[in-house]
Amino acid sequence: MNAPAPPPLCIADDATFWAWRRWPEFVQGKTPPRAMVVVPIVGMADWGLGHPLDVEETVLLHVLRAVSVAREPGLPLLVVPPLRFVLGPDPGCAFPVDPPVAHELVGEVLGSIAASGFRRVVLFNASPWNEEFIAVAARDNRIAHRLQIFRISLSGLGLDLHPTRSQVRRKVQTLVTALTGKEPEPPRDGSAPPVRQGWGDESVTPLAGPALPLAQAQAEGAVILAEAAAHLLTLLDEIYLRPPLAHDGAILPAQFPLRD
């Protein structure tokens, strides 16, 4: 009897997934030299949607895979496996790490990308708690590795998970229902809201009201996924058309005019 196939490393398009490339492809120049490398950044958290803790990864990687499949051949992409250990200040977050650890992790990955000869990187982030963090990581690693780094978050694609800022949490819940084929668990009656922690009044509380039934969610989820993927594809096209950094990314000393 044949052994069952191992579970996939992540949701990915085989043609663009870095982990499926062998090292000679990089050494022998068989990877597109001007390829954009996408670094997915996902946390694990209970976002009050009645779905498992990997909501961020489920949504972000399905959107990214849809783009990878739909893109034109002239848009070369490489996608590294998702970075799952990032910031998570809310009590509902699982496996969070401290900011210095997250910064070192991103730095090691970006350093490896730079050492492989790539210069254009997109940090594609799912977590509201990491939007400011990736801005800092992008700045520091642009300096350290001479990379041209761009940032995109799910919130910018109309799939915001933020517990107080977002007006589309039901939309995200519907999309996850469609992607997983499972209706969300209803909130527990009388369950206490999470203890306030972190900053402000941004604690996650369960989404109130009934969720869409599975059949309706699958129909609406297909539309939501297509819209988000089309938006991301437009952004990636714009990024690819940007000129590369001058001087191969080196930051030159300031030049001051001489005075008489």
C-alpha atoms as a PDB file:
ATOM      1  CA  MET A   1       0.000   0.000   0.000  1.00  0.00           C
ATOM      2  CA  ASN A   2       1.343   3.400  -0.947  1.00  0.00           C
ATOM      3  CA  ALA A   3       1.977   5.826   1.885  1.00  0.00           C
ATOM      4  CA  PRO A   4      -0.268   8.899   1.943  1.00  0.00           C
ATOM      5  CA  ALA A   5       1.172  12.000   0.381  1.00  0.00           C
ATOM      6  CA  PRO A   6       2.686  14.417   2.927  1.00  0.00           C
ATOM      7  CA  PRO A   7       0.759  17.599   3.585  1.00  0.00           C
ATOM      8  CA  PRO A   8       1.915  20.584   1.521  1.00  0.00           C
ATOM      9  CA  LEU A   9       4.451  22.944   3.025  1.00  0.00           C
ATOM     10  CA  CYS A  10       1.999  25.742   2.366  1.00  0.00           C
ATOM     11  CA  ILE A  11      -0.588  26.903  -0.153  1.00  0.00           C
ATOM     12  CA  ALA A  12       1.530  27.748  -3.184  1.00  0.00           C
ATOM     13  CA  ASP A  13       1.814  27.818  -6.945  1.00  0.00           C
ATOM     14  CA  ASP A  14       4.459  25.251  -7.853  1.00  0.00           C
ATOM     15  CA  ALA A  15       5.820  27.385 -10.708  1.00  0.00           C
ATOM     16  CA  THR A  16       6.733  30.302  -8.417  1.00  0.00           C
ATOM     17  CA  PHE A  17       7.465  28.604  -5.082  1.00  0.00           C
ATOM     18  CA  TRP A  18      11.108  29.133  -4.047  1.00  0.00           C
ATOM     19  CA  ALA A  19      11.177  25.971  -1.926  1.00  0.00           C
ATOM     20  CA  TRP A  20      10.591  23.765  -4.978  1.00  0.00           C
ATOM     21  CA  ARG A  21      13.676  25.166  -6.773  1.00  0.00           C
ATOM     22  CA  ARG A  22      16.979  23.294  -6.566  1.00  0.00           C
ATOM     23  CA  TRP A  23      20.125  25.213  -5.691  1.00  0.00           C
ATOM     24  CA  PRO A  24      21.756  24.675  -9.132  1.00  0.00           C
ATOM     25  CA  GLU A  25      18.934  26.739 -10.654  1.00  0.00           C
ATOM     26  CA  PHE A  26      20.172  29.736  -8.683  1.00  0.00           C
ATOM     27  CA  VAL A  27      23.874  29.052  -9.223  1.00  0.00           C
ATOM     28  CA  GLN A  28      23.471  28.477 -12.968  1.00  0.00           C
ATOM     29  CA  GLY A  29      21.283  31.522 -13.499  1.00  0.00           C
ATOM     30  CA  LYS A  30      18.131  29.602 -14.408  1.00  0.00           C
ATOM     31  CA  THR A  31      15.956  31.835 -12.230  1.00  0.00           C
ATOM     32  CA  PRO A  32      14.776  35.152 -13.718  1.00  0.00           C
ATOM     33  CA  PRO A  33      17.413  37.720 -12.664  1.00  0.00           C
ATOM     34  CA  ARG A  34      14.860  40.508 -12.244  1.00  0.00           C
ATOM     35  CA  ALA A  35      12.296  38.373 -10.458  1.00  0.00           C
ATOM     36  CA  MET A  36      10.386  39.928  -7.590  1.00  0.00           C
ATOM     37  CA  VAL A  37      10.674  37.850  -4.443  1.00  0.00           C
ATOM     38  CA  VAL A  38       7.535  37.848  -2.309  1.00  0.00           C
ATOM     39  CA  VAL A  39       7.943  37.203   1.414  1.00  0.00           C
ATOM     40  CA  PRO A  40       4.607  36.250   3.048  1.00  0.00           C
ATOM     41  CA  ILE A  41       4.350  37.348   6.688  1.00  0.00           C
ATOM     42  CA  VAL A  42       1.563  35.674   8.652  1.00  0.00           C
ATOM     43  CA  GLY A  43       0.747  35.314  12.322  1.00  0.00           C
ATOM     44  CA  MET A  44      -1.509  32.899  14.137  1.00  0.00           C
ATOM     45  CA  ALA A  45      -4.401  34.318  16.106  1.00  0.00           C
ATOM     46  CA  ASP A  46      -8.032  33.965  17.050  1.00  0.00           C
ATOM     47  CA  TRP A  47      -9.603  36.850  15.141  1.00  0.00           C
ATOM     48  CA  GLY A  48     -13.076  36.183  16.525  1.00  0.00           C
ATOM     49  CA  LEU A  49     -14.343  34.804  13.208  1.00  0.00           C
ATOM     50  CA  GLY A  50     -15.052  31.260  14.379  1.00  0.00           C
ATOM     51  CA  HIS A  51     -12.269  29.851  12.213  1.00  0.00           C
ATOM     52  CA  PRO A  52      -8.894  28.239  13.126  1.00  0.00           C
ATOM     53  CA  LEU A  53      -5.803  30.153  14.150  1.00  0.00           C
ATOM     54  CA  ASP A  54      -4.292  30.075  10.640  1.00  0.00           C
ATOM     55  CA  VAL A  55      -6.821  32.518   9.154  1.00  0.00           C
ATOM     56  CA  GLU A  56      -4.063  34.935   8.129  1.00  0.00           C
ATOM     57  CA  GLU A  57      -2.105  32.282   6.265  1.00  0.00           C
ATOM     58  CA  THR A  58      -5.215  30.802   4.654  1.00  0.00           C
ATOM     59  CA  VAL A  59      -6.334  34.135   3.215  1.00  0.00           C
ATOM     60  CA  LEU A  60      -2.967  35.601   2.262  1.00  0.00           C
ATOM     61  CA  LEU A  61      -1.578  32.518   0.529  1.00  0.00           C
ATOM     62  CA  HIS A  62      -4.755  31.818  -1.428  1.00  0.00           C
ATOM     63  CA  VAL A  63      -4.739  35.386  -2.732  1.00  0.00           C
ATOM     64  CA  LEU A  64      -1.050  35.114  -3.591  1.00  0.00           C
ATOM     65  CA  ARG A  65      -1.491  31.760  -5.326  1.00  0.00           C
ATOM     66  CA  ALA A  66      -4.362  33.151  -7.411  1.00  0.00           C
ATOM     67  CA  VAL A  67      -2.083  35.980  -8.537  1.00  0.00           C
ATOM     68  CA  SER A  68       0.792  33.600  -9.297  1.00  0.00           C
ATOM     69  CA  VAL A  69      -1.468  31.496 -11.513  1.00  0.00           C
ATOM     70  CA  ALA A  70      -3.140  34.459 -13.273  1.00  0.00           C
ATOM     71  CA  ARG A  71      -0.047  36.612 -13.895  1.00  0.00           C
ATOM     72  CA  GLU A  72       1.377  37.153 -17.354  1.00  0.00           C
ATOM     73  CA  PRO A  73       4.694  35.409 -18.161  1.00  0.00           C
ATOM     74  CA  GLY A  74       6.379  38.816 -18.214  1.00  0.00           C
ATOM     75  CA  LEU A  75       5.861  39.205 -14.467  1.00  0.00           C
ATOM     76  CA  PRO A  76       8.492  36.928 -12.864  1.00  0.00           C
ATOM     77  CA  LEU A  77       7.747  35.999  -9.255  1.00  0.00           C
ATOM     78  CA  LEU A  78       9.419  33.864  -6.632  1.00  0.00           C
ATOM     79  CA  VAL A  79       7.556  33.196  -3.383  1.00  0.00           C
ATOM     80  CA  VAL A  80       9.386  32.047  -0.274  1.00  0.00           C
ATOM     81  CA  PRO A  81       7.632  29.967   2.422  1.00  0.00           C
ATOM     82  CA  PRO A  82       5.658  32.124   4.851  1.00  0.00           C
ATOM     83  CA  LEU A  83       7.269  33.559   7.963  1.00  0.00           C
ATOM     84  CA  ARG A  84       4.917  32.417  10.717  1.00  0.00           C
ATOM     85  CA  PHE A  85       6.681  33.643  13.863  1.00  0.00           C
ATOM     86  CA  VAL A  86       6.045  37.372  14.062  1.00  0.00           C
ATOM     87  CA  LEU A  87       4.591  39.943  16.462  1.00  0.00           C
ATOM     88  CA  GLY A  88       1.361  39.136  18.284  1.00  0.00           C
ATOM     89  CA  PRO A  89       0.493  41.411  21.222  1.00  0.00           C
ATOM     90  CA  ASP A  90      -3.150  40.340  21.632  1.00  0.00           C
ATOM     91  CA  PRO A  91      -4.041  37.512  24.083  1.00  0.00           C
ATOM     92  CA  GLY A  92      -5.627  35.655  21.164  1.00  0.00           C
ATOM     93  CA  CYS A  93      -2.316  35.411  19.308  1.00  0.00           C
ATOM     94  CA  ALA A  94      -0.391  32.147  19.238  1.00  0.00           C
ATOM     95  CA  PHE A  95       3.374  31.633  18.997  1.00  0.00           C
ATOM     96  CA  PRO A  96       4.333  35.328  18.912  1.00  0.00           C
ATOM     97  CA  VAL A  97       7.940  36.433  19.239  1.00  0.00           C
ATOM     98  CA  ASP A  98       9.521  39.591  20.590  1.00  0.00           C
ATOM     99  CA  PRO A  99      10.315  42.421  18.152  1.00  0.00           C
ATOM    100  CA  PRO A 100      14.106  41.829  18.136  1.00  0.00           C
ATOM    101  CA  VAL A 101      13.565  38.147  17.283  1.00  0.00           C
ATOM    102  CA  ALA A 102      11.122  38.974  14.491  1.00  0.00           C
ATOM    103  CA  HIS A 103      13.520  41.593  13.156  1.00  0.00           C
ATOM    104  CA  GLU A 104      16.404  39.096  13.086  1.00  0.00           C
ATOM    105  CA  LEU A 105      14.245  36.472  11.359  1.00  0.00           C
ATOM    106  CA  VAL A 106      13.190  38.832   8.578  1.00  0.00           C
ATOM    107  CA  GLY A 107      16.754  40.078   8.269  1.00  0.00           C
ATOM    108  CA  GLU A 108      18.126  36.551   7.814  1.00  0.00           C
ATOM    109  CA  VAL A 109      15.580  35.742   5.116  1.00  0.00           C
ATOM    110  CA  LEU A 110      16.184  39.000   3.257  1.00  0.00           C
ATOM    111  CA  GLY A 111      19.926  38.558   3.550  1.00  0.00           C
ATOM    112  CA  SER A 112      19.625  35.130   1.926  1.00  0.00           C
ATOM    113  CA  ILE A 113      17.503  36.593  -0.861  1.00  0.00           C
ATOM    114  CA  ALA A 114      20.101  39.297  -1.482  1.00  0.00           C
ATOM    115  CA  ALA A 115      22.933  36.731  -1.455  1.00  0.00           C
ATOM    116  CA  SER A 116      21.044  34.773  -4.121  1.00  0.00           C
ATOM    117  CA  GLY A 117      21.271  37.769  -6.437  1.00  0.00           C
ATOM    118  CA  PHE A 118      17.807  39.287  -6.156  1.00  0.00           C
ATOM    119  CA  ARG A 119      17.205  42.947  -5.427  1.00  0.00           C
ATOM    120  CA  ARG A 120      13.448  43.547  -5.539  1.00  0.00           C
ATOM    121  CA  VAL A 121      11.425  42.208  -2.600  1.00  0.00           C
ATOM    122  CA  VAL A 122       7.775  42.521  -1.579  1.00  0.00           C
ATOM    123  CA  LEU A 123       6.876  42.017   2.075  1.00  0.00           C
ATOM    124  CA  PHE A 124       3.289  40.732   1.888  1.00  0.00           C
ATOM    125  CA  ASN A 125       1.784  40.922   5.359  1.00  0.00           C
ATOM    126  CA  ALA A 126      -1.488  39.569   6.750  1.00  0.00           C
ATOM    127  CA  SER A 127      -1.439  40.775  10.361  1.00  0.00           C
ATOM    128  CA  PRO A 128      -2.597  44.216  11.504  1.00  0.00           C
ATOM    129  CA  TRP A 129      -0.145  43.880  14.391  1.00  0.00           C
ATOM    130  CA  ASN A 130       2.779  43.719  11.965  1.00  0.00           C
ATOM    131  CA  GLU A 131       2.052  46.631   9.636  1.00  0.00           C
ATOM    132  CA  GLU A 132       4.347  49.034  11.475  1.00  0.00           C
ATOM    133  CA  PHE A 133       6.930  46.314  12.037  1.00  0.00           C
ATOM    134  CA  ILE A 134       7.395  45.560   8.337  1.00  0.00           C
ATOM    135  CA  ALA A 135       7.970  49.264   7.698  1.00  0.00           C
ATOM    136  CA  VAL A 136      10.904  49.186  10.111  1.00  0.00           C
ATOM    137  CA  ALA A 137      12.171  45.874   8.729  1.00  0.00           C
ATOM    138  CA  ALA A 138      11.976  47.216   5.174  1.00  0.00           C
ATOM    139  CA  ARG A 139      13.971  50.329   6.062  1.00  0.00           C
ATOM    140  CA  ASP A 140      16.686  48.497   7.967  1.00  0.00           C
ATOM    141  CA  ASN A 141      17.160  45.760   5.380  1.00  0.00           C
ATOM    142  CA  ARG A 142      17.124  48.178   2.483  1.00  0.00           C
ATOM    143  CA  ILE A 143      20.190  49.716   4.145  1.00  0.00           C
ATOM    144  CA  ALA A 144      21.812  46.469   5.252  1.00  0.00           C
ATOM    145  CA  HIS A 145      21.356  44.483   2.035  1.00  0.00           C
ATOM    146  CA  ARG A 146      20.842  47.179  -0.639  1.00  0.00           C
ATOM    147  CA  LEU A 147      17.437  45.738  -1.441  1.00  0.00           C
ATOM    148  CA  GLN A 148      14.534  47.539  -3.095  1.00  0.00           C
ATOM    149  CA  ILE A 149      11.720  46.610  -0.703  1.00  0.00           C
ATOM    150  CA  PHE A 150       7.997  47.212  -1.081  1.00  0.00           C
ATOM    151  CA  ARG A 151       5.218  46.564   1.451  1.00  0.00           C
ATOM    152  CA  ILE A 152       1.672  45.305   0.933  1.00  0.00           C
ATOM    153  CA  SER A 153      -0.800  44.297   3.651  1.00  0.00           C
ATOM    154  CA  LEU A 154      -4.115  42.482   3.436  1.00  0.00           C
ATOM    155  CA  SER A 155      -5.796  45.561   4.877  1.00  0.00           C
ATOM    156  CA  GLY A 156      -4.833  47.425   1.705  1.00  0.00           C
ATOM    157  CA  LEU A 157      -6.587  44.785  -0.389  1.00  0.00           C
ATOM    158  CA  GLY A 158      -9.902  45.212   1.425  1.00  0.00           C
ATOM    159  CA  LEU A 159      -9.345  42.239   3.764  1.00  0.00           C
ATOM    160  CA  ASP A 160      -8.593  44.019   7.024  1.00  0.00           C
ATOM    161  CA  LEU A 161      -8.562  41.864  10.168  1.00  0.00           C
ATOM    162  CA  HIS A 162      -8.081  44.729  12.604  1.00  0.00           C
ATOM    163  CA  PRO A 163     -10.660  44.337  15.408  1.00  0.00           C
ATOM    164  CA  THR A 164     -11.714  48.009  15.633  1.00  0.00           C
ATOM    165  CA  ARG A 165     -10.506  49.651  12.421  1.00  0.00           C
ATOM    166  CA  SER A 166     -11.908  47.050  10.052  1.00  0.00           C
ATOM    167  CA  GLN A 167     -15.355  47.343   8.527  1.00  0.00           C
ATOM    168  CA  VAL A 168     -15.000  44.070   6.588  1.00  0.00           C
ATOM    169  CA  ARG A 169     -14.578  41.347   9.202  1.00  0.00           C
ATOM    170  CA  ARG A 170     -17.730  39.578   7.956  1.00  0.00           C
ATOM    171  CA  LYS A 171     -16.258  39.667   4.443  1.00  0.00           C
ATOM    172  CA  VAL A 172     -13.069  38.001   5.667  1.00  0.00           C
ATOM    173  CA  GLN A 173     -15.086  35.411   7.582  1.00  0.00           C
ATOM    174  CA  THR A 174     -17.056  34.630   4.417  1.00  0.00           C
ATOM    175  CA  LEU A 175     -13.863  34.231   2.407  1.00  0.00           C
ATOM    176  CA  VAL A 176     -12.331  31.837   4.941  1.00  0.00           C
ATOM    177  CA  THR A 177     -15.543  29.798   4.995  1.00  0.00           C
ATOM    178  CA  ALA A 178     -15.329  29.498   1.210  1.00  0.00           C
ATOM    179  CA  LEU A 179     -11.615  28.617   1.215  1.00  0.00           C
ATOM    180  CA  THR A 180     -11.872  25.960   3.927  1.00  0.00           C
ATOM    181  CA  GLY A 181     -15.301  24.582   3.050  1.00  0.00           C
ATOM    182  CA  LYS A 182     -16.287  24.774   6.709  1.00  0.00           C
ATOM    183  CA  GLU A 183     -18.789  27.048   8.375  1.00  0.00           C
ATOM    184  CA  PRO A 184     -17.425  29.004  11.356  1.00  0.00           C
ATOM    185  CA  GLU A 185     -18.156  27.996  14.902  1.00  0.00           C
ATOM    186  CA  PRO A 186     -20.687  30.308  16.546  1.00  0.00           C
ATOM    187  CA  PRO A 187     -19.528  32.447  19.487  1.00  0.00           C
ATOM    188  CA  ARG A 188     -19.931  30.768  22.830  1.00  0.00           C
ATOM    189  CA  ASP A 189     -22.815  32.145  24.845  1.00  0.00           C
ATOM    190  CA  GLY A 190     -21.683  34.110  27.852  1.00  0.00           C
ATOM    191  CA  SER A 191     -18.023  33.932  26.914  1.00  0.00           C
ATOM    192  CA  ALA A 192     -16.006  36.755  28.385  1.00  0.00           C
ATOM    193  CA  PRO A 193     -14.217  39.055  25.945  1.00  0.00           C
ATOM    194  CA  PRO A 194     -10.424  38.839  25.909  1.00  0.00           C
ATOM    195  CA  VAL A 195      -8.541  40.816  28.512  1.00  0.00           C
ATOM    196  CA  ARG A 196      -7.428  44.150  27.121  1.00  0.00           C
ATOM    197  CA  GLN A 197      -3.755  44.057  26.326  1.00  0.00           C
ATOM    198  CA  GLY A 198      -1.273  45.695  24.030  1.00  0.00           C
ATOM    199  CA  TRP A 199      -2.238  49.188  23.006  1.00  0.00           C
ATOM    200  CA  GLY A 200      -5.506  51.115  22.872  1.00  0.00           C
ATOM    201  CA  ASP A 201      -8.891  49.396  22.889  1.00  0.00           C
ATOM    202  CA  GLU A 202      -8.057  46.979  20.094  1.00  0.00           C
ATOM    203  CA  SER A 203      -8.828  43.675  21.804  1.00  0.00           C
ATOM    204  CA  VAL A 204     -10.432  41.086  19.541  1.00  0.00           C
ATOM    205  CA  THR A 205     -14.039  40.169  20.304  1.00  0.00           C
ATOM    206  CA  PRO A 206     -16.145  37.519  18.536  1.00  0.00           C
ATOM    207  CA  LEU A 207     -17.954  38.700  15.440  1.00  0.00           C
ATOM    208  CA  ALA A 208     -21.618  39.181  16.347  1.00  0.00           C
ATOM    209  CA  GLY A 209     -24.512  37.896  14.270  1.00  0.00           C
ATOM    210  CA  PRO A 210     -24.968  34.750  12.187  1.00  0.00           C
ATOM    211  CA  ALA A 211     -22.440  33.794   9.540  1.00  0.00           C
ATOM    212  CA  LEU A 212     -23.424  33.036   5.967  1.00  0.00           C
ATOM    213  CA  PRO A 213     -24.319  29.408   5.238  1.00  0.00           C
ATOM    214  CA  LEU A 214     -21.689  27.445   3.384  1.00  0.00           C
ATOM    215  CA  ALA A 215     -23.258  27.497  -0.084  1.00  0.00           C
ATOM    216  CA  GLN A 216     -23.763  31.258  -0.047  1.00  0.00           C
ATOM    217  CA  ALA A 217     -20.308  31.849   1.433  1.00  0.00           C
ATOM    218  CA  GLN A 218     -18.680  29.787  -1.318  1.00  0.00           C
ATOM    219  CA  ALA A 219     -20.402  31.843  -4.014  1.00  0.00           C
ATOM    220  CA  GLU A 220     -19.530  35.178  -2.426  1.00  0.00           C
ATOM    221  CA  GLY A 221     -16.056  34.011  -1.422  1.00  0.00           C
ATOM    222  CA  ALA A 222     -15.108  33.316  -5.019  1.00  0.00           C
ATOM    223  CA  VAL A 223     -15.908  36.931  -5.887  1.00  0.00           C
ATOM    224  CA  ILE A 224     -14.015  38.266  -2.857  1.00  0.00           C
ATOM    225  CA  LEU A 225     -10.943  36.210  -3.727  1.00  0.00           C
ATOM    226  CA  ALA A 226     -10.992  37.311  -7.368  1.00  0.00           C
ATOM    227  CA  GLU A 227     -11.265  40.993  -6.407  1.00  0.00           C
ATOM    228  CA  ALA A 228      -8.407  40.808  -3.900  1.00  0.00           C
ATOM    229  CA  ALA A 229      -6.195  38.901  -6.348  1.00  0.00           C
ATOM    230  CA  ALA A 230      -6.888  41.421  -9.122  1.00  0.00           C
ATOM    231  CA  HIS A 231      -5.958  44.277  -6.774  1.00  0.00           C
ATOM    232  CA  LEU A 232      -2.728  42.564  -5.716  1.00  0.00           C
ATOM    233  CA  LEU A 233      -1.814  41.779  -9.316  1.00  0.00           C
ATOM    234  CA  THR A 234      -2.203  45.457 -10.227  1.00  0.00           C
ATOM    235  CA  LEU A 235       0.115  46.455  -7.378  1.00  0.00           C
ATOM    236  CA  LEU A 236       2.728  43.875  -8.337  1.00  0.00           C
ATOM    237  CA  ASP A 237       2.622  45.017 -11.956  1.00  0.00           C
ATOM    238  CA  GLU A 238       3.242  48.606 -10.808  1.00  0.00           C
ATOM    239  CA  ILE A 239       6.112  47.506  -8.577  1.00  0.00           C
ATOM    240  CA  TYR A 240       7.752  45.544 -11.371  1.00  0.00           C
ATOM    241  CA  LEU A 241       7.668  48.588 -13.669  1.00  0.00           C
ATOM    242  CA  ARG A 242       9.464  50.756 -11.120  1.00  0.00           C
ATOM    243  CA  PRO A 243      13.081  51.471 -12.081  1.00  0.00           C
ATOM    244  CA  PRO A 244      15.733  49.675 -10.011  1.00  0.00           C
ATOM    245  CA  LEU A 245      17.623  51.502  -7.307  1.00  0.00           C
ATOM    246  CA  ALA A 246      20.485  53.663  -8.489  1.00  0.00           C
ATOM    247  CA  HIS A 247      24.078  52.505  -7.870  1.00  0.00           C
ATOM    248  CA  ASP A 248      22.830  48.931  -7.334  1.00  0.00           C
ATOM    249  CA  GLY A 249      21.201  50.023  -4.098  1.00  0.00           C
ATOM    250  CA  ALA A 250      24.312  51.475  -2.510  1.00  0.00           C
ATOM    251  CA  ILE A 251      23.699  54.554  -0.377  1.00  0.00           C
ATOM    252  CA  LEU A 252      26.370  57.062  -1.357  1.00  0.00           C
ATOM    253  CA  PRO A 253      27.819  59.651   1.034  1.00  0.00           C
ATOM    254  CA  ALA A 254      26.146  63.027   0.908  1.00  0.00           C
ATOM    255  CA  GLN A 255      27.788  65.461  -1.521  1.00  0.00           C
ATOM    256  CA  PHE A 256      27.949  69.091  -0.464  1.00  0.00           C
ATOM    257  CA  PRO A 257      28.824  71.905  -2.894  1.00  0.00           C
ATOM    258  CA  LEU A 258      32.123  73.620  -2.161  1.00  0.00           C
ATOM    259  CA  ARG A 259      31.967  77.270  -1.218  1.00  0.00           C
ATOM    260  CA  ASP A 260      34.457  79.899  -2.311  1.00  0.00           C
END
